[in-house]
N, C-alpha and C. Protein backbone atom coordinates (compact mmCIF):
# COMPACT_ATOMS: atom_id res chain seq x y z
N MET A 1 33.65 53.40 205.72
CA MET A 1 33.25 54.55 206.51
C MET A 1 32.38 54.06 207.66
N LEU A 2 32.66 54.56 208.84
CA LEU A 2 31.80 54.26 209.98
C LEU A 2 30.46 54.91 209.75
N GLU A 3 29.41 54.18 209.94
CA GLU A 3 28.08 54.71 209.72
C GLU A 3 27.51 55.26 211.02
N ILE A 4 26.86 56.39 210.92
CA ILE A 4 26.14 56.94 212.05
C ILE A 4 24.71 56.42 211.92
N VAL A 5 24.30 55.60 212.87
CA VAL A 5 23.02 54.91 212.79
C VAL A 5 21.99 55.60 213.68
N SER A 6 20.77 55.69 213.18
CA SER A 6 19.67 56.24 213.98
C SER A 6 19.18 55.20 214.96
N ASP A 7 18.80 55.64 216.13
CA ASP A 7 18.20 54.77 217.14
C ASP A 7 16.78 54.43 216.69
N LYS A 8 16.39 53.19 216.82
CA LYS A 8 15.06 52.76 216.38
C LYS A 8 13.93 53.45 217.16
N SER A 9 14.22 53.98 218.33
CA SER A 9 13.19 54.64 219.12
C SER A 9 12.95 56.09 218.67
N TRP A 10 13.84 56.63 217.84
CA TRP A 10 13.67 57.99 217.38
C TRP A 10 12.54 58.07 216.36
N LYS A 11 11.90 59.22 216.31
CA LYS A 11 10.81 59.45 215.36
C LYS A 11 11.34 60.26 214.18
N LEU A 12 11.17 59.72 212.97
CA LEU A 12 11.55 60.45 211.76
C LEU A 12 10.48 61.51 211.50
N LEU A 13 10.89 62.77 211.48
CA LEU A 13 9.97 63.87 211.26
C LEU A 13 9.91 64.28 209.79
N GLU A 14 11.07 64.25 209.12
CA GLU A 14 11.14 64.72 207.74
C GLU A 14 12.44 64.26 207.10
N THR A 15 12.40 64.00 205.80
CA THR A 15 13.61 63.81 205.01
C THR A 15 13.62 64.90 203.94
N CYS A 16 14.79 65.45 203.70
CA CYS A 16 14.91 66.54 202.74
C CYS A 16 16.08 66.26 201.79
N PRO A 17 15.81 66.13 200.49
CA PRO A 17 16.93 66.06 199.56
C PRO A 17 17.59 67.44 199.50
N LEU A 18 18.88 67.45 199.31
CA LEU A 18 19.61 68.72 199.24
C LEU A 18 20.39 68.73 197.93
N LYS A 19 19.78 69.30 196.89
CA LYS A 19 20.41 69.31 195.57
C LYS A 19 20.61 70.71 195.01
N THR A 20 19.85 71.68 195.52
CA THR A 20 19.92 73.05 195.02
C THR A 20 20.02 74.02 196.19
N GLU A 21 20.32 75.27 195.86
CA GLU A 21 20.35 76.30 196.90
C GLU A 21 18.96 76.49 197.49
N PHE A 22 17.92 76.34 196.69
CA PHE A 22 16.55 76.43 197.20
C PHE A 22 16.32 75.35 198.26
N ASP A 23 16.87 74.15 198.05
CA ASP A 23 16.72 73.06 199.02
C ASP A 23 17.36 73.43 200.36
N ILE A 24 18.46 74.19 200.32
CA ILE A 24 19.11 74.63 201.56
C ILE A 24 18.14 75.50 202.36
N VAL A 25 17.51 76.44 201.69
CA VAL A 25 16.56 77.35 202.35
C VAL A 25 15.38 76.54 202.91
N LYS A 26 14.85 75.65 202.10
CA LYS A 26 13.70 74.84 202.52
C LYS A 26 14.05 73.98 203.74
N ALA A 27 15.20 73.29 203.70
CA ALA A 27 15.61 72.42 204.81
C ALA A 27 15.85 73.23 206.08
N ARG A 28 16.44 74.40 205.94
CA ARG A 28 16.67 75.27 207.09
C ARG A 28 15.34 75.69 207.72
N GLN A 29 14.36 76.03 206.89
CA GLN A 29 13.03 76.41 207.39
C GLN A 29 12.35 75.24 208.10
N ILE A 30 12.52 74.04 207.57
CA ILE A 30 11.94 72.85 208.19
C ILE A 30 12.53 72.63 209.57
N VAL A 31 13.85 72.75 209.69
CA VAL A 31 14.51 72.56 210.99
C VAL A 31 14.02 73.61 211.96
N ARG A 32 13.95 74.87 211.54
CA ARG A 32 13.47 75.93 212.43
C ARG A 32 12.05 75.64 212.90
N GLN A 33 11.19 75.19 211.99
CA GLN A 33 9.81 74.91 212.36
C GLN A 33 9.72 73.79 213.39
N PHE A 34 10.49 72.70 213.19
CA PHE A 34 10.47 71.61 214.16
C PHE A 34 11.05 72.04 215.50
N ALA A 35 12.07 72.91 215.47
CA ALA A 35 12.62 73.43 216.73
C ALA A 35 11.57 74.24 217.47
N LYS A 36 10.82 75.03 216.74
CA LYS A 36 9.75 75.84 217.35
C LYS A 36 8.66 74.93 217.91
N GLU A 37 8.24 73.93 217.12
CA GLU A 37 7.20 73.00 217.57
C GLU A 37 7.64 72.19 218.79
N ALA A 38 8.95 71.97 218.90
CA ALA A 38 9.49 71.22 220.04
C ALA A 38 9.51 72.06 221.32
N GLY A 39 9.22 73.35 221.19
CA GLY A 39 9.18 74.21 222.36
C GLY A 39 10.50 74.91 222.65
N MET A 40 11.43 74.90 221.70
CA MET A 40 12.69 75.62 221.91
C MET A 40 12.42 77.11 221.87
N GLY A 41 13.15 77.83 222.70
CA GLY A 41 13.09 79.29 222.68
C GLY A 41 13.76 79.83 221.43
N ILE A 42 13.61 81.11 221.21
CA ILE A 42 14.14 81.74 220.00
C ILE A 42 15.66 81.61 219.90
N VAL A 43 16.36 81.65 221.03
CA VAL A 43 17.82 81.53 221.00
C VAL A 43 18.23 80.14 220.53
N ASP A 44 17.61 79.10 221.08
CA ASP A 44 17.96 77.74 220.66
C ASP A 44 17.49 77.46 219.24
N GLN A 45 16.36 78.03 218.84
CA GLN A 45 15.93 77.90 217.44
C GLN A 45 16.99 78.48 216.51
N THR A 46 17.50 79.64 216.89
CA THR A 46 18.51 80.32 216.07
C THR A 46 19.81 79.53 216.06
N ARG A 47 20.20 78.97 217.19
CA ARG A 47 21.44 78.19 217.26
C ARG A 47 21.38 76.96 216.34
N ILE A 48 20.31 76.18 216.44
CA ILE A 48 20.23 74.97 215.63
C ILE A 48 20.09 75.33 214.15
N THR A 49 19.34 76.38 213.85
CA THR A 49 19.17 76.79 212.46
C THR A 49 20.48 77.29 211.87
N THR A 50 21.24 78.04 212.64
CA THR A 50 22.54 78.53 212.18
C THR A 50 23.51 77.37 211.96
N ALA A 51 23.53 76.43 212.89
CA ALA A 51 24.43 75.27 212.76
C ALA A 51 24.11 74.47 211.50
N VAL A 52 22.84 74.14 211.30
CA VAL A 52 22.50 73.30 210.14
C VAL A 52 22.65 74.07 208.84
N SER A 53 22.45 75.37 208.88
CA SER A 53 22.64 76.18 207.68
C SER A 53 24.07 76.04 207.17
N GLU A 54 25.03 76.07 208.07
CA GLU A 54 26.43 75.89 207.70
C GLU A 54 26.66 74.48 207.14
N LEU A 55 26.09 73.48 207.80
CA LEU A 55 26.27 72.10 207.34
C LEU A 55 25.63 71.90 205.96
N PHE A 56 24.43 72.45 205.76
CA PHE A 56 23.76 72.30 204.47
C PHE A 56 24.56 72.97 203.36
N ARG A 57 25.10 74.15 203.65
CA ARG A 57 25.90 74.85 202.64
C ARG A 57 27.14 74.03 202.30
N ASN A 58 27.79 73.45 203.30
CA ASN A 58 28.96 72.61 203.04
C ASN A 58 28.58 71.39 202.21
N MET A 59 27.45 70.76 202.54
CA MET A 59 26.99 69.61 201.76
C MET A 59 26.82 69.98 200.29
N TYR A 60 26.23 71.13 200.06
CA TYR A 60 25.96 71.59 198.71
C TYR A 60 27.26 71.94 197.98
N MET A 61 28.11 72.73 198.63
CA MET A 61 29.32 73.24 197.97
C MET A 61 30.41 72.18 197.82
N TYR A 62 30.63 71.38 198.86
CA TYR A 62 31.76 70.46 198.85
C TYR A 62 31.37 69.01 198.64
N GLY A 63 30.13 68.65 198.99
CA GLY A 63 29.71 67.26 198.89
C GLY A 63 28.78 66.97 197.73
N GLY A 64 28.46 68.00 196.93
CA GLY A 64 27.59 67.78 195.79
C GLY A 64 26.13 67.57 196.17
N GLY A 65 25.74 68.00 197.36
CA GLY A 65 24.38 67.79 197.83
C GLY A 65 24.28 66.54 198.67
N GLY A 66 23.07 66.11 198.94
CA GLY A 66 22.89 64.92 199.76
C GLY A 66 21.49 64.83 200.30
N GLU A 67 21.39 64.29 201.50
CA GLU A 67 20.09 64.10 202.13
C GLU A 67 20.17 64.51 203.59
N VAL A 68 19.07 65.10 204.07
CA VAL A 68 18.97 65.52 205.47
C VAL A 68 17.83 64.74 206.11
N LEU A 69 18.10 64.18 207.28
CA LEU A 69 17.07 63.53 208.09
C LEU A 69 16.83 64.38 209.32
N VAL A 70 15.57 64.65 209.61
CA VAL A 70 15.20 65.38 210.81
C VAL A 70 14.41 64.40 211.68
N GLU A 71 14.92 64.18 212.90
CA GLU A 71 14.31 63.21 213.81
C GLU A 71 14.16 63.83 215.19
N SER A 72 13.38 63.19 216.02
CA SER A 72 13.31 63.56 217.43
C SER A 72 13.46 62.29 218.25
N GLY A 73 14.01 62.44 219.43
CA GLY A 73 14.21 61.27 220.28
C GLY A 73 14.84 61.65 221.60
N ILE A 74 15.09 60.63 222.40
CA ILE A 74 15.72 60.82 223.71
C ILE A 74 17.21 60.53 223.57
N ILE A 75 18.02 61.50 223.99
CA ILE A 75 19.48 61.38 223.96
C ILE A 75 19.97 61.74 225.35
N ASP A 76 20.66 60.82 226.00
CA ASP A 76 21.18 61.09 227.35
C ASP A 76 20.11 61.69 228.26
N GLU A 77 18.93 61.10 228.21
CA GLU A 77 17.79 61.50 229.04
C GLU A 77 17.24 62.90 228.70
N ASN A 78 17.59 63.40 227.52
CA ASN A 78 17.09 64.70 227.06
C ASN A 78 16.24 64.50 225.81
N ASN A 79 15.12 65.23 225.72
CA ASN A 79 14.38 65.29 224.47
C ASN A 79 15.23 66.07 223.49
N ALA A 80 15.43 65.53 222.28
CA ALA A 80 16.34 66.17 221.35
C ALA A 80 15.75 66.26 219.95
N LEU A 81 16.14 67.31 219.25
CA LEU A 81 15.93 67.42 217.83
C LEU A 81 17.24 66.96 217.20
N ILE A 82 17.15 66.02 216.26
CA ILE A 82 18.33 65.36 215.71
C ILE A 82 18.34 65.58 214.20
N ILE A 83 19.41 66.15 213.69
CA ILE A 83 19.53 66.41 212.26
C ILE A 83 20.77 65.69 211.74
N THR A 84 20.55 64.84 210.74
CA THR A 84 21.64 64.08 210.14
C THR A 84 21.82 64.51 208.70
N CYS A 85 23.04 64.87 208.35
CA CYS A 85 23.39 65.33 207.00
C CYS A 85 24.28 64.28 206.35
N ILE A 86 23.85 63.76 205.20
CA ILE A 86 24.56 62.67 204.53
C ILE A 86 24.89 63.10 203.11
N ASP A 87 26.17 63.04 202.75
CA ASP A 87 26.53 63.29 201.36
C ASP A 87 27.45 62.19 200.85
N LYS A 88 27.56 62.10 199.56
CA LYS A 88 28.41 61.10 198.91
C LYS A 88 29.55 61.80 198.17
N GLY A 89 29.99 62.91 198.74
CA GLY A 89 31.03 63.73 198.12
C GLY A 89 32.43 63.16 198.31
N PRO A 90 33.43 64.02 198.17
CA PRO A 90 34.83 63.57 198.23
C PRO A 90 35.30 63.18 199.62
N GLY A 91 34.52 63.49 200.65
CA GLY A 91 34.92 63.16 202.01
C GLY A 91 35.91 64.16 202.57
N ILE A 92 36.20 63.98 203.84
CA ILE A 92 37.14 64.86 204.55
C ILE A 92 38.34 64.01 204.94
N GLU A 93 39.48 64.39 204.44
CA GLU A 93 40.70 63.60 204.66
C GLU A 93 41.15 63.60 206.11
N ASP A 94 41.10 64.76 206.76
CA ASP A 94 41.58 64.88 208.13
C ASP A 94 40.51 65.61 208.96
N ILE A 95 39.68 64.85 209.67
CA ILE A 95 38.58 65.42 210.44
C ILE A 95 39.10 66.35 211.53
N ASP A 96 40.17 65.95 212.21
CA ASP A 96 40.72 66.81 213.28
C ASP A 96 41.12 68.18 212.72
N LEU A 97 41.76 68.19 211.56
CA LEU A 97 42.16 69.44 210.93
C LEU A 97 40.93 70.25 210.51
N ALA A 98 39.94 69.57 209.95
CA ALA A 98 38.70 70.24 209.51
C ALA A 98 37.96 70.88 210.68
N MET A 99 38.14 70.33 211.88
CA MET A 99 37.47 70.85 213.06
C MET A 99 38.30 71.91 213.79
N THR A 100 39.39 72.35 213.18
CA THR A 100 40.25 73.38 213.75
C THR A 100 39.79 74.75 213.28
N ASP A 101 39.56 75.66 214.22
CA ASP A 101 39.19 77.03 213.85
C ASP A 101 40.22 77.60 212.90
N GLY A 102 39.74 78.20 211.81
CA GLY A 102 40.62 78.86 210.85
C GLY A 102 41.03 77.99 209.69
N PHE A 103 40.82 76.67 209.75
CA PHE A 103 41.18 75.80 208.63
C PHE A 103 40.04 75.78 207.62
N SER A 104 40.38 75.94 206.35
CA SER A 104 39.39 75.86 205.28
C SER A 104 39.99 75.10 204.11
N SER A 105 39.20 74.17 203.57
CA SER A 105 39.66 73.46 202.38
C SER A 105 39.24 74.21 201.13
N GLY A 106 38.43 75.26 201.30
CA GLY A 106 37.94 76.03 200.17
C GLY A 106 38.22 77.50 200.36
N GLN A 107 37.24 78.31 200.04
CA GLN A 107 37.38 79.76 200.08
C GLN A 107 36.91 80.38 201.40
N GLY A 108 36.34 79.56 202.28
CA GLY A 108 35.74 80.09 203.51
C GLY A 108 36.76 80.53 204.54
N MET A 109 36.23 81.03 205.65
CA MET A 109 37.08 81.52 206.74
C MET A 109 37.53 80.39 207.67
N GLY A 110 36.93 79.21 207.56
CA GLY A 110 37.37 78.09 208.38
C GLY A 110 36.74 78.00 209.75
N TYR A 111 35.58 78.62 209.92
CA TYR A 111 34.92 78.56 211.21
C TYR A 111 33.59 77.79 211.16
N GLY A 112 33.25 77.25 210.00
CA GLY A 112 31.95 76.61 209.81
C GLY A 112 31.72 75.38 210.64
N LEU A 113 32.52 74.35 210.47
CA LEU A 113 32.31 73.11 211.22
C LEU A 113 32.53 73.29 212.71
N PRO A 114 33.64 73.90 213.15
CA PRO A 114 33.80 74.08 214.59
C PRO A 114 32.75 75.02 215.17
N GLY A 115 32.33 76.01 214.39
CA GLY A 115 31.28 76.91 214.85
C GLY A 115 29.96 76.19 215.01
N ALA A 116 29.62 75.34 214.04
CA ALA A 116 28.38 74.55 214.12
C ALA A 116 28.41 73.66 215.36
N LYS A 117 29.57 73.07 215.64
CA LYS A 117 29.69 72.20 216.81
C LYS A 117 29.41 72.96 218.10
N ARG A 118 29.88 74.20 218.17
CA ARG A 118 29.68 75.00 219.39
C ARG A 118 28.21 75.39 219.60
N LEU A 119 27.41 75.37 218.56
CA LEU A 119 26.02 75.81 218.65
C LEU A 119 25.04 74.71 219.05
N VAL A 120 25.50 73.46 219.08
CA VAL A 120 24.60 72.34 219.37
C VAL A 120 25.06 71.62 220.64
N ASP A 121 24.21 70.70 221.12
CA ASP A 121 24.55 69.96 222.33
C ASP A 121 25.39 68.72 222.04
N ARG A 122 25.24 68.17 220.85
CA ARG A 122 26.07 67.03 220.46
C ARG A 122 26.33 67.12 218.97
N PHE A 123 27.56 66.75 218.58
CA PHE A 123 28.02 66.82 217.20
C PHE A 123 28.78 65.54 216.91
N GLU A 124 28.36 64.81 215.90
CA GLU A 124 29.04 63.56 215.50
C GLU A 124 29.36 63.65 214.02
N MET A 125 30.55 63.21 213.65
CA MET A 125 30.93 63.25 212.24
C MET A 125 31.76 62.03 211.88
N THR A 126 31.48 61.50 210.70
CA THR A 126 32.30 60.46 210.13
C THR A 126 32.48 60.78 208.66
N SER A 127 33.63 60.44 208.11
CA SER A 127 33.90 60.75 206.72
C SER A 127 34.94 59.79 206.18
N GLU A 128 34.81 59.49 204.91
CA GLU A 128 35.80 58.65 204.24
C GLU A 128 36.05 59.25 202.87
N VAL A 129 37.33 59.40 202.54
CA VAL A 129 37.72 59.99 201.27
C VAL A 129 37.10 59.19 200.12
N ASN A 130 36.54 59.90 199.17
CA ASN A 130 35.89 59.36 197.98
C ASN A 130 34.59 58.60 198.25
N LYS A 131 34.09 58.66 199.48
CA LYS A 131 32.84 57.98 199.80
C LYS A 131 31.80 58.90 200.40
N GLY A 132 32.23 59.95 201.09
CA GLY A 132 31.27 60.90 201.62
C GLY A 132 31.44 61.20 203.09
N THR A 133 30.53 62.03 203.57
CA THR A 133 30.56 62.52 204.95
C THR A 133 29.15 62.46 205.54
N THR A 134 29.08 62.07 206.80
CA THR A 134 27.84 62.10 207.55
C THR A 134 28.09 62.89 208.83
N ILE A 135 27.24 63.88 209.05
CA ILE A 135 27.33 64.69 210.26
C ILE A 135 25.96 64.68 210.92
N ARG A 136 25.95 64.43 212.23
CA ARG A 136 24.70 64.49 212.99
C ARG A 136 24.88 65.51 214.11
N VAL A 137 23.89 66.41 214.21
CA VAL A 137 23.87 67.37 215.30
C VAL A 137 22.59 67.18 216.09
N MET A 138 22.68 67.45 217.39
CA MET A 138 21.54 67.29 218.27
C MET A 138 21.43 68.51 219.18
N LYS A 139 20.20 68.95 219.36
CA LYS A 139 19.93 70.08 220.24
C LYS A 139 18.85 69.64 221.20
N TRP A 140 19.11 69.80 222.49
CA TRP A 140 18.13 69.42 223.50
C TRP A 140 16.95 70.39 223.47
N LYS A 141 15.77 69.87 223.76
CA LYS A 141 14.55 70.70 223.77
C LYS A 141 14.33 71.28 225.15
C-alpha cells in the first residue's frame, strides 16, 4: 500500500483512536474545535466537520476503527488543517468506483466519500485490499 506521509514541518495537534461510536463523536468535536481555533468561519468549520464525520463513520463501520491524526501545516502556500484517517480494515478494491456518486459497498446511499471530497480543499486516499485504507483531507484556514 502506498503510504500517505506527513510532512515533517507539520504540527501534530492531536491523535484520536477510533474504536467506538463515542470516539466518532469525540474526534468530530476535536476537529471542529481545531477548525475554530484556526480561525475558520462557521461554514468552513461545518464543511470540515461534515467531511470527517463521514470518514470516521466509514472507518468504524467498514474498517473496524482506526486512528485519526489532526495536524496543521502549510500546503501549497496555504495554512491548512490536516486530518488523516488510518484503518487496517479490508481495504477498498476499486478506489475510482468508490469515489463515484451513488456507489455503495454497504447499505449507504453512496455519496459519502465523493461528498467528503467536495467539502475539503484537498483529498488524498490510498487503499490496499486486506491491509487497510488511509484518507487525508485538508481544509485551508
